[in-house]
Amino acid sequence: MLFPLIRSRSELALLTRELSGNSKANLKSTENSFGTGNTILSEKNHRLKIKKTYQKETGNYLKKKLPV
C-alpha cells in the first residue's frame, strides 16, 4: 500500500500539501485554483465558495460569492 490510511479531511489536506510542497498553507482551508483567484472551501461552511481576486490599485483582495 502506497499511502497510509487517512482518517480525516485535515490529514488528507496535510498530505497533499506536503506532496505538492505547499506545507505553509493554512490547515483550516482547502485551496484549489479557480481562474484568476483561489476558491477556498472551509470545513465549517463547505457549500459557500469564495473567489478571491487581487486588486492591484488598492493592494487588497476582493471576495465574491460564487453560485454553488
PDB file of N, CA and C in Angstrom:
ATOM      1  N   MET A   1       0.849  -1.180   0.000  1.00  0.00           N
ATOM      2  CA  MET A   1       0.000   0.000   0.000  1.00  0.00           C
ATOM      3  C   MET A   1       0.892   1.240   0.000  1.00  0.00           C
ATOM      4  N   LEU A   2       0.585   2.147  -0.903  1.00  0.00           N
ATOM      5  CA  LEU A   2       1.445   3.311  -1.085  1.00  0.00           C
ATOM      6  C   LEU A   2       1.248   4.352   0.021  1.00  0.00           C
ATOM      7  N   PHE A   3       0.008   4.656   0.360  1.00  0.00           N
ATOM      8  CA  PHE A   3      -0.278   5.670   1.369  1.00  0.00           C
ATOM      9  C   PHE A   3      -0.879   5.019   2.609  1.00  0.00           C
ATOM     10  N   PRO A   4      -0.614   5.589   3.784  1.00  0.00           N
ATOM     11  CA  PRO A   4      -1.258   5.060   4.997  1.00  0.00           C
ATOM     12  C   PRO A   4      -2.748   5.403   5.001  1.00  0.00           C
ATOM     13  N   LEU A   5      -3.483   4.802   5.889  1.00  0.00           N
ATOM     14  CA  LEU A   5      -4.915   5.059   5.995  1.00  0.00           C
ATOM     15  C   LEU A   5      -5.140   6.495   6.462  1.00  0.00           C
ATOM     16  N   ILE A   6      -5.928   7.244   5.701  1.00  0.00           N
ATOM     17  CA  ILE A   6      -6.196   8.646   6.020  1.00  0.00           C
ATOM     18  C   ILE A   6      -7.535   8.709   6.747  1.00  0.00           C
ATOM     19  N   ARG A   7      -7.524   9.286   7.953  1.00  0.00           N
ATOM     20  CA  ARG A   7      -8.711   9.249   8.802  1.00  0.00           C
ATOM     21  C   ARG A   7      -9.590  10.486   8.691  1.00  0.00           C
ATOM     22  N   SER A   8      -9.057  11.622   8.251  1.00  0.00           N
ATOM     23  CA  SER A   8      -9.876  12.832   8.225  1.00  0.00           C
ATOM     24  C   SER A   8      -9.478  13.704   7.041  1.00  0.00           C
ATOM     25  N   ARG A   9     -10.321  14.717   6.783  1.00  0.00           N
ATOM     26  CA  ARG A   9     -10.049  15.642   5.684  1.00  0.00           C
ATOM     27  C   ARG A   9      -8.795  16.460   5.939  1.00  0.00           C
ATOM     28  N   SER A  10      -8.536  16.787   7.206  1.00  0.00           N
ATOM     29  CA  SER A  10      -7.359  17.601   7.511  1.00  0.00           C
ATOM     30  C   SER A  10      -6.073  16.811   7.267  1.00  0.00           C
ATOM     31  N   GLU A  11      -6.094  15.505   7.546  1.00  0.00           N
ATOM     32  CA  GLU A  11      -4.917  14.684   7.249  1.00  0.00           C
ATOM     33  C   GLU A  11      -4.698  14.578   5.747  1.00  0.00           C
ATOM     34  N   LEU A  12      -5.792  14.466   4.989  1.00  0.00           N
ATOM     35  CA  LEU A  12      -5.683  14.408   3.532  1.00  0.00           C
ATOM     36  C   LEU A  12      -5.138  15.722   2.981  1.00  0.00           C
ATOM     37  N   ALA A  13      -5.622  16.852   3.513  1.00  0.00           N
ATOM     38  CA  ALA A  13      -5.136  18.153   3.067  1.00  0.00           C
ATOM     39  C   ALA A  13      -3.662  18.333   3.411  1.00  0.00           C
ATOM     40  N   LEU A  14      -3.269  17.893   4.601  1.00  0.00           N
ATOM     41  CA  LEU A  14      -1.871  17.999   5.007  1.00  0.00           C
ATOM     42  C   LEU A  14      -0.978  17.146   4.114  1.00  0.00           C
ATOM     43  N   LEU A  15      -1.435  15.945   3.784  1.00  0.00           N
ATOM     44  CA  LEU A  15      -0.660  15.056   2.925  1.00  0.00           C
ATOM     45  C   LEU A  15      -0.506  15.633   1.520  1.00  0.00           C
ATOM     46  N   THR A  16      -1.585  16.195   0.969  1.00  0.00           N
ATOM     47  CA  THR A  16      -1.483  16.769  -0.373  1.00  0.00           C
ATOM     48  C   THR A  16      -0.600  18.004  -0.380  1.00  0.00           C
ATOM     49  N   ARG A  17      -0.626  18.802   0.708  1.00  0.00           N
ATOM     50  CA  ARG A  17       0.258  19.968   0.766  1.00  0.00           C
ATOM     51  C   ARG A  17       1.715  19.549   0.871  1.00  0.00           C
ATOM     52  N   GLU A  18       1.987  18.480   1.624  1.00  0.00           N
ATOM     53  CA  GLU A  18       3.364  18.004   1.735  1.00  0.00           C
ATOM     54  C   GLU A  18       3.861  17.469   0.402  1.00  0.00           C
ATOM     55  N   LEU A  19       2.996  16.786  -0.335  1.00  0.00           N
ATOM     56  CA  LEU A  19       3.409  16.245  -1.628  1.00  0.00           C
ATOM     57  C   LEU A  19       3.594  17.345  -2.660  1.00  0.00           C
ATOM     58  N   SER A  20       2.783  18.418  -2.568  1.00  0.00           N
ATOM     59  CA  SER A  20       2.902  19.498  -3.541  1.00  0.00           C
ATOM     60  C   SER A  20       3.935  20.540  -3.125  1.00  0.00           C
ATOM     61  N   GLY A  21       4.452  20.448  -1.908  1.00  0.00           N
ATOM     62  CA  GLY A  21       5.455  21.401  -1.458  1.00  0.00           C
ATOM     63  C   GLY A  21       4.877  22.646  -0.832  1.00  0.00           C
ATOM     64  N   ASN A  22       3.575  22.674  -0.577  1.00  0.00           N
ATOM     65  CA  ASN A  22       2.924  23.848  -0.002  1.00  0.00           C
ATOM     66  C   ASN A  22       2.495  23.529   1.423  1.00  0.00           C
ATOM     67  N   SER A  23       3.455  23.305   2.312  1.00  0.00           N
ATOM     68  CA  SER A  23       3.131  22.917   3.685  1.00  0.00           C
ATOM     69  C   SER A  23       2.874  24.120   4.583  1.00  0.00           C
ATOM     70  N   LYS A  24       3.139  25.339   4.098  1.00  0.00           N
ATOM     71  CA  LYS A  24       2.928  26.525   4.922  1.00  0.00           C
ATOM     72  C   LYS A  24       1.506  27.056   4.833  1.00  0.00           C
ATOM     73  N   ALA A  25       0.657  26.427   4.039  1.00  0.00           N
ATOM     74  CA  ALA A  25      -0.715  26.902   3.865  1.00  0.00           C
ATOM     75  C   ALA A  25      -1.532  26.670   5.128  1.00  0.00           C
ATOM     76  N   ASN A  26      -2.620  27.384   5.216  1.00  0.00           N
ATOM     77  CA  ASN A  26      -3.491  27.271   6.382  1.00  0.00           C
ATOM     78  C   ASN A  26      -4.161  25.901   6.394  1.00  0.00           C
ATOM     79  N   LEU A  27      -4.113  25.218   7.530  1.00  0.00           N
ATOM     80  CA  LEU A  27      -4.666  23.872   7.614  1.00  0.00           C
ATOM     81  C   LEU A  27      -6.182  23.864   7.718  1.00  0.00           C
ATOM     82  N   LYS A  28      -6.801  25.023   7.972  1.00  0.00           N
ATOM     83  CA  LYS A  28      -8.250  25.058   8.130  1.00  0.00           C
ATOM     84  C   LYS A  28      -8.977  25.165   6.797  1.00  0.00           C
ATOM     85  N   SER A  29      -8.273  25.405   5.716  1.00  0.00           N
ATOM     86  CA  SER A  29      -8.948  25.569   4.434  1.00  0.00           C
ATOM     87  C   SER A  29      -8.274  24.725   3.368  1.00  0.00           C
ATOM     88  N   THR A  30      -9.055  24.358   2.409  1.00  0.00           N
ATOM     89  CA  THR A  30      -8.558  23.604   1.267  1.00  0.00           C
ATOM     90  C   THR A  30      -8.593  24.535   0.069  1.00  0.00           C
ATOM     91  N   GLU A  31      -7.462  24.722  -0.587  1.00  0.00           N
ATOM     92  CA  GLU A  31      -7.384  25.687  -1.669  1.00  0.00           C
ATOM     93  C   GLU A  31      -7.267  24.978  -3.008  1.00  0.00           C
ATOM     94  N   ASN A  32      -8.055  25.424  -3.958  1.00  0.00           N
ATOM     95  CA  ASN A  32      -7.991  24.922  -5.328  1.00  0.00           C
ATOM     96  C   ASN A  32      -7.872  26.119  -6.255  1.00  0.00           C
ATOM     97  N   SER A  33      -7.185  25.963  -7.356  1.00  0.00           N
ATOM     98  CA  SER A  33      -7.074  27.070  -8.293  1.00  0.00           C
ATOM     99  C   SER A  33      -8.396  27.224  -9.030  1.00  0.00           C
ATOM    100  N   PHE A  34      -8.830  28.457  -9.215  1.00  0.00           N
ATOM    101  CA  PHE A  34     -10.100  28.726  -9.889  1.00  0.00           C
ATOM    102  C   PHE A  34      -9.921  29.993 -10.706  1.00  0.00           C
ATOM    103  N   GLY A  35      -9.606  29.865 -11.974  1.00  0.00           N
ATOM    104  CA  GLY A  35      -9.441  31.028 -12.824  1.00  0.00           C
ATOM    105  C   GLY A  35      -8.283  31.893 -12.366  1.00  0.00           C
ATOM    106  N   THR A  36      -8.580  33.159 -12.061  1.00  0.00           N
ATOM    107  CA  THR A  36      -7.532  34.090 -11.656  1.00  0.00           C
ATOM    108  C   THR A  36      -7.304  34.090 -10.156  1.00  0.00           C
ATOM    109  N   GLY A  37      -8.293  33.647  -9.380  1.00  0.00           N
ATOM    110  CA  GLY A  37      -8.157  33.690  -7.929  1.00  0.00           C
ATOM    111  C   GLY A  37      -8.141  32.302  -7.331  1.00  0.00           C
ATOM    112  N   ASN A  38      -8.408  32.220  -6.047  1.00  0.00           N
ATOM    113  CA  ASN A  38      -8.456  30.947  -5.334  1.00  0.00           C
ATOM    114  C   ASN A  38      -9.860  30.702  -4.819  1.00  0.00           C
ATOM    115  N   THR A  39     -10.290  29.454  -4.861  1.00  0.00           N
ATOM    116  CA  THR A  39     -11.557  29.066  -4.263  1.00  0.00           C
ATOM    117  C   THR A  39     -11.246  28.401  -2.941  1.00  0.00           C
ATOM    118  N   ILE A  40     -11.761  28.938  -1.876  1.00  0.00           N
ATOM    119  CA  ILE A  40     -11.476  28.401  -0.554  1.00  0.00           C
ATOM    120  C   ILE A  40     -12.746  27.757  -0.009  1.00  0.00           C
ATOM    121  N   LEU A  41     -12.674  26.467   0.259  1.00  0.00           N
ATOM    122  CA  LEU A  41     -13.803  25.741   0.812  1.00  0.00           C
ATOM    123  C   LEU A  41     -13.476  25.415   2.261  1.00  0.00           C
ATOM    124  N   SER A  42     -14.091  26.125   3.193  1.00  0.00           N
ATOM    125  CA  SER A  42     -13.811  25.847   4.592  1.00  0.00           C
ATOM    126  C   SER A  42     -14.623  24.647   5.041  1.00  0.00           C
ATOM    127  N   GLU A  43     -14.111  23.951   6.057  1.00  0.00           N
ATOM    128  CA  GLU A  43     -14.815  22.780   6.551  1.00  0.00           C
ATOM    129  C   GLU A  43     -16.090  23.168   7.283  1.00  0.00           C
ATOM    130  N   LYS A  44     -16.156  24.374   7.842  1.00  0.00           N
ATOM    131  CA  LYS A  44     -17.352  24.796   8.561  1.00  0.00           C
ATOM    132  C   LYS A  44     -18.500  25.078   7.596  1.00  0.00           C
ATOM    133  N   ASN A  45     -18.220  25.712   6.487  1.00  0.00           N
ATOM    134  CA  ASN A  45     -19.262  26.089   5.537  1.00  0.00           C
ATOM    135  C   ASN A  45     -18.808  25.656   4.151  1.00  0.00           C
ATOM    136  N   HIS A  46     -18.914  24.363   3.861  1.00  0.00           N
ATOM    137  CA  HIS A  46     -18.362  23.827   2.629  1.00  0.00           C
ATOM    138  C   HIS A  46     -19.232  24.116   1.420  1.00  0.00           C
ATOM    139  N   ARG A  47     -20.434  24.654   1.614  1.00  0.00           N
ATOM    140  CA  ARG A  47     -21.293  24.961   0.470  1.00  0.00           C
ATOM    141  C   ARG A  47     -21.030  26.343  -0.103  1.00  0.00           C
ATOM    142  N   LEU A  48     -20.345  27.184   0.654  1.00  0.00           N
ATOM    143  CA  LEU A  48     -20.080  28.545   0.207  1.00  0.00           C
ATOM    144  C   LEU A  48     -18.710  28.597  -0.458  1.00  0.00           C
ATOM    145  N   LYS A  49     -18.691  29.010  -1.702  1.00  0.00           N
ATOM    146  CA  LYS A  49     -17.425  29.170  -2.408  1.00  0.00           C
ATOM    147  C   LYS A  49     -17.120  30.660  -2.496  1.00  0.00           C
ATOM    148  N   ILE A  50     -15.901  31.017  -2.172  1.00  0.00           N
ATOM    149  CA  ILE A  50     -15.489  32.416  -2.216  1.00  0.00           C
ATOM    150  C   ILE A  50     -14.324  32.538  -3.185  1.00  0.00           C
ATOM    151  N   LYS A  51     -14.478  33.407  -4.171  1.00  0.00           N
ATOM    152  CA  LYS A  51     -13.400  33.657  -5.121  1.00  0.00           C
ATOM    153  C   LYS A  51     -12.659  34.908  -4.664  1.00  0.00           C
ATOM    154  N   LYS A  52     -11.356  34.773  -4.461  1.00  0.00           N
ATOM    155  CA  LYS A  52     -10.543  35.901  -4.030  1.00  0.00           C
ATOM    156  C   LYS A  52      -9.731  36.393  -5.223  1.00  0.00           C
ATOM    157  N   THR A  53      -9.911  37.639  -5.575  1.00  0.00           N
ATOM    158  CA  THR A  53      -9.139  38.231  -6.661  1.00  0.00           C
ATOM    159  C   THR A  53      -8.334  39.402  -6.102  1.00  0.00           C
ATOM    160  N   TYR A  54      -7.120  39.514  -6.562  1.00  0.00           N
ATOM    161  CA  TYR A  54      -6.219  40.563  -6.086  1.00  0.00           C
ATOM    162  C   TYR A  54      -6.461  41.839  -6.870  1.00  0.00           C
ATOM    163  N   GLN A  55      -6.619  42.936  -6.153  1.00  0.00           N
ATOM    164  CA  GLN A  55      -6.827  44.227  -6.782  1.00  0.00           C
ATOM    165  C   GLN A  55      -5.535  45.026  -6.662  1.00  0.00           C
ATOM    166  N   LYS A  56      -4.903  45.302  -7.797  1.00  0.00           N
ATOM    167  CA  LYS A  56      -3.586  45.933  -7.773  1.00  0.00           C
ATOM    168  C   LYS A  56      -3.628  47.387  -7.303  1.00  0.00           C
ATOM    169  N   GLU A  57      -4.738  48.089  -7.568  1.00  0.00           N
ATOM    170  CA  GLU A  57      -4.797  49.507  -7.218  1.00  0.00           C
ATOM    171  C   GLU A  57      -4.738  49.716  -5.704  1.00  0.00           C
ATOM    172  N   THR A  58      -5.501  48.917  -4.957  1.00  0.00           N
ATOM    173  CA  THR A  58      -5.560  49.104  -3.512  1.00  0.00           C
ATOM    174  C   THR A  58      -4.683  48.123  -2.757  1.00  0.00           C
ATOM    175  N   GLY A  59      -4.263  47.046  -3.406  1.00  0.00           N
ATOM    176  CA  GLY A  59      -3.446  46.048  -2.737  1.00  0.00           C
ATOM    177  C   GLY A  59      -4.251  45.116  -1.851  1.00  0.00           C
ATOM    178  N   ASN A  60      -5.549  45.034  -2.085  1.00  0.00           N
ATOM    179  CA  ASN A  60      -6.419  44.192  -1.269  1.00  0.00           C
ATOM    180  C   ASN A  60      -6.994  43.056  -2.100  1.00  0.00           C
ATOM    181  N   TYR A  61      -7.578  42.102  -1.401  1.00  0.00           N
ATOM    182  CA  TYR A  61      -8.270  41.008  -2.062  1.00  0.00           C
ATOM    183  C   TYR A  61      -9.773  41.272  -2.009  1.00  0.00           C
ATOM    184  N   LEU A  62     -10.436  41.031  -3.123  1.00  0.00           N
ATOM    185  CA  LEU A  62     -11.888  41.153  -3.177  1.00  0.00           C
ATOM    186  C   LEU A  62     -12.491  39.761  -3.086  1.00  0.00           C
ATOM    187  N   LYS A  63     -13.515  39.613  -2.256  1.00  0.00           N
ATOM    188  CA  LYS A  63     -14.175  38.321  -2.109  1.00  0.00           C
ATOM    189  C   LYS A  63     -15.511  38.363  -2.836  1.00  0.00           C
ATOM    190  N   LYS A  64     -15.753  37.370  -3.679  1.00  0.00           N
ATOM    191  CA  LYS A  64     -17.014  37.277  -4.403  1.00  0.00           C
ATOM    192  C   LYS A  64     -17.618  35.915  -4.143  1.00  0.00           C
ATOM    193  N   LYS A  65     -18.914  35.899  -3.812  1.00  0.00           N
ATOM    194  CA  LYS A  65     -19.594  34.629  -3.617  1.00  0.00           C
ATOM    195  C   LYS A  65     -19.936  34.048  -4.980  1.00  0.00           C
ATOM    196  N   LEU A  66     -19.669  32.764  -5.149  1.00  0.00           N
ATOM    197  CA  LEU A  66     -19.953  32.089  -6.401  1.00  0.00           C
ATOM    198  C   LEU A  66     -21.162  31.190  -6.231  1.00  0.00           C
ATOM    199  N   PRO A  67     -21.936  30.996  -7.285  1.00  0.00           N
ATOM    200  CA  PRO A  67     -23.055  30.048  -7.184  1.00  0.00           C
ATOM    201  C   PRO A  67     -22.537  28.634  -7.010  1.00  0.00           C
ATOM    202  N   VAL A  68     -23.185  27.894  -6.142  1.00  0.00           N
ATOM    203  CA  VAL A  68     -22.732  26.530  -5.841  1.00  0.00           C
ATOM    204  C   VAL A  68     -23.404  25.552  -6.779  1.00  0.00           C
TER     205      VAL A  68
END
